[in-house]
Amino acid sequence: MNYTLAKRLFIGLTIGFFMVGCTAKKIEVEYEKDGNSGYSVVDHKKGGPPPHAPAHGYRAKHQYRYYPSRSVYYDTGRGLYFYLRGSNWEVGASLPSNLRVGLGDYVSMELDTDKPYIHYAEHVKKYPPGQMKNKYKKNKWG
């Protein structure tokens, strides 16, 4: 092997290793104790938007009607109601009789969760009962 060929081979391998090193992805594995006396892997994906911010072009998975006067969510796709009973959230295909009458105005919203009530504190502030702004009103007879 002559000197020129060896030099080209060395430069080619150096550039190749450099490119592989630059494109390598660091993977971190973290464990957390779960309730079943074991450990589970915690997935921390690098890159992309944070979990609370949807990616560009992402469509929400669930469409809801939120009735502020009764603190009720209705999932239009699944036909389920989420409502407060005392201090607990309950879910059902129909509402208890005390909530069925006069739901009032509603706000349509898209959320990326199947548990809309986790955003309840935000919604109560944004859409206080009896204080809905005209731009949010959809239907008086929900």
Protein backbone atom coordinates (compact mmCIF):
# COMPACT_ATOMS: atom_id res chain seq x y z
CA MET A 1 0.00 0.00 0.00
CA ASN A 2 1.43 3.31 -0.95
CA TYR A 3 1.53 6.48 1.15
CA THR A 4 -1.24 8.35 -0.78
CA LEU A 5 -3.69 5.48 -0.49
CA ALA A 6 -2.99 5.13 3.25
CA LYS A 7 -3.47 8.87 3.75
CA ARG A 8 -6.83 8.83 1.91
CA LEU A 9 -7.98 5.82 3.91
CA PHE A 10 -7.01 7.51 7.19
CA ILE A 11 -8.84 10.75 6.25
CA GLY A 12 -11.91 8.81 5.12
CA LEU A 13 -12.09 6.80 8.33
CA THR A 14 -11.55 9.93 10.45
CA ILE A 15 -14.40 11.76 8.70
CA GLY A 16 -16.60 8.66 8.98
CA PHE A 17 -16.02 8.35 12.74
CA PHE A 18 -16.61 12.08 13.16
CA MET A 19 -19.93 11.89 11.31
CA VAL A 20 -21.08 8.88 13.32
CA GLY A 21 -20.11 10.62 16.55
CA CYS A 22 -22.04 13.75 15.58
CA THR A 23 -25.22 11.85 14.75
CA ALA A 24 -25.20 9.51 17.72
CA LYS A 25 -28.14 9.92 20.07
CA LYS A 26 -27.61 9.90 23.79
CA ILE A 27 -30.01 7.61 25.59
CA GLU A 28 -30.59 8.09 29.26
CA VAL A 29 -32.37 5.46 31.29
CA GLU A 30 -33.83 6.31 34.65
CA TYR A 31 -35.72 4.03 36.98
CA GLU A 32 -38.49 4.90 39.37
CA LYS A 33 -40.06 2.77 42.06
CA ASP A 34 -43.57 1.71 41.20
CA GLY A 35 -46.27 0.62 43.61
CA ASN A 36 -45.77 -3.10 42.97
CA SER A 37 -42.45 -3.40 44.82
CA GLY A 38 -40.56 -3.14 41.56
CA TYR A 39 -38.99 -0.56 39.33
CA SER A 40 -40.07 0.72 35.97
CA VAL A 41 -38.16 2.59 33.29
CA VAL A 42 -38.92 6.29 33.04
CA ASP A 43 -38.87 7.41 29.43
CA HIS A 44 -37.19 10.78 28.92
CA LYS A 45 -37.20 11.46 25.20
CA LYS A 46 -34.73 14.07 24.03
CA GLY A 47 -35.77 16.64 21.48
CA GLY A 48 -39.19 17.72 20.31
CA PRO A 49 -41.71 19.80 22.21
CA PRO A 50 -42.23 19.43 25.95
CA PRO A 51 -45.10 17.14 27.03
CA HIS A 52 -47.46 20.07 27.69
CA ALA A 53 -46.96 21.60 24.21
CA PRO A 54 -48.34 19.71 21.23
CA ALA A 55 -46.16 19.29 18.15
CA HIS A 56 -46.77 21.45 15.09
CA GLY A 57 -49.75 20.15 13.14
CA TYR A 58 -50.93 17.97 16.03
CA ARG A 59 -54.69 17.55 16.31
CA ALA A 60 -56.32 17.17 19.70
CA LYS A 61 -57.70 13.71 20.29
CA HIS A 62 -60.87 14.62 22.19
CA GLN A 63 -63.59 17.19 21.62
CA TYR A 64 -65.57 18.37 24.63
CA ARG A 65 -68.42 20.63 25.57
CA TYR A 66 -67.81 22.28 28.92
CA TYR A 67 -70.88 23.56 30.80
CA PRO A 68 -69.56 26.10 33.34
CA SER A 69 -72.84 26.53 35.24
CA ARG A 70 -72.86 22.83 36.22
CA SER A 71 -69.13 21.92 36.05
CA VAL A 72 -69.87 19.26 33.44
CA TYR A 73 -67.80 18.07 30.50
CA TYR A 74 -69.34 16.13 27.62
CA ASP A 75 -67.06 14.10 25.33
CA THR A 76 -68.80 14.39 21.96
CA GLY A 77 -66.84 11.53 20.39
CA ARG A 78 -67.41 8.95 23.10
CA GLY A 79 -70.78 10.19 24.40
CA LEU A 80 -69.55 10.43 28.00
CA TYR A 81 -70.26 12.99 30.70
CA PHE A 82 -67.72 13.98 33.36
CA TYR A 83 -69.25 15.68 36.38
CA LEU A 84 -68.46 16.58 39.96
CA ARG A 85 -70.17 14.64 42.71
CA GLY A 86 -69.02 16.14 45.98
CA SER A 87 -65.28 16.52 45.57
CA ASN A 88 -64.86 13.60 43.15
CA TRP A 89 -65.18 13.43 39.39
CA GLU A 90 -67.47 10.77 37.99
CA VAL A 91 -68.06 9.59 34.45
CA GLY A 92 -71.17 8.17 32.84
CA ALA A 93 -73.19 7.83 29.65
CA SER A 94 -75.91 9.98 31.24
CA LEU A 95 -76.10 12.63 33.93
CA PRO A 96 -77.82 12.36 37.30
CA SER A 97 -81.30 13.92 37.20
CA ASN A 98 -80.23 16.97 39.25
CA LEU A 99 -77.70 17.90 36.53
CA ARG A 100 -79.74 17.02 33.43
CA VAL A 101 -82.04 20.01 33.65
CA GLY A 102 -80.66 23.35 32.54
CA LEU A 103 -77.05 22.74 31.71
CA GLY A 104 -76.92 26.22 30.20
CA ASP A 105 -74.34 27.59 27.82
CA TYR A 106 -71.34 25.52 26.81
CA VAL A 107 -67.89 26.07 25.44
CA SER A 108 -66.48 23.75 22.77
CA MET A 109 -62.89 22.73 23.33
CA GLU A 110 -60.31 20.27 22.06
CA LEU A 111 -58.03 18.59 24.58
CA ASP A 112 -55.33 15.98 24.19
CA THR A 113 -56.48 14.05 27.24
CA ASP A 114 -59.29 11.63 27.97
CA LYS A 115 -59.64 13.23 31.43
CA PRO A 116 -60.81 16.81 30.81
CA TYR A 117 -61.26 17.51 34.51
CA ILE A 118 -57.50 17.71 35.01
CA HIS A 119 -57.79 21.19 33.43
CA TYR A 120 -60.82 22.14 35.52
CA ALA A 121 -59.02 24.82 37.58
CA GLU A 122 -58.00 26.60 34.36
CA HIS A 123 -61.49 26.33 32.85
CA VAL A 124 -63.24 27.69 35.95
CA LYS A 125 -61.02 30.77 35.81
CA LYS A 126 -61.39 31.24 32.06
CA TYR A 127 -65.14 30.51 31.88
CA PRO A 128 -66.71 31.44 35.26
CA PRO A 129 -70.33 30.27 35.68
CA GLY A 130 -72.80 32.92 34.52
CA GLN A 131 -70.02 35.14 33.16
CA MET A 132 -69.43 33.63 29.75
CA LYS A 133 -68.36 36.06 27.07
CA ASN A 134 -70.48 36.17 23.92
CA LYS A 135 -67.62 34.87 21.78
CA TYR A 136 -67.63 31.60 23.74
CA LYS A 137 -71.40 31.02 23.74
CA LYS A 138 -72.58 28.20 21.51
CA ASN A 139 -76.03 27.09 22.65
CA LYS A 140 -78.39 28.13 25.44
CA TRP A 141 -80.21 24.82 25.67
CA GLY A 142 -77.20 22.37 25.96
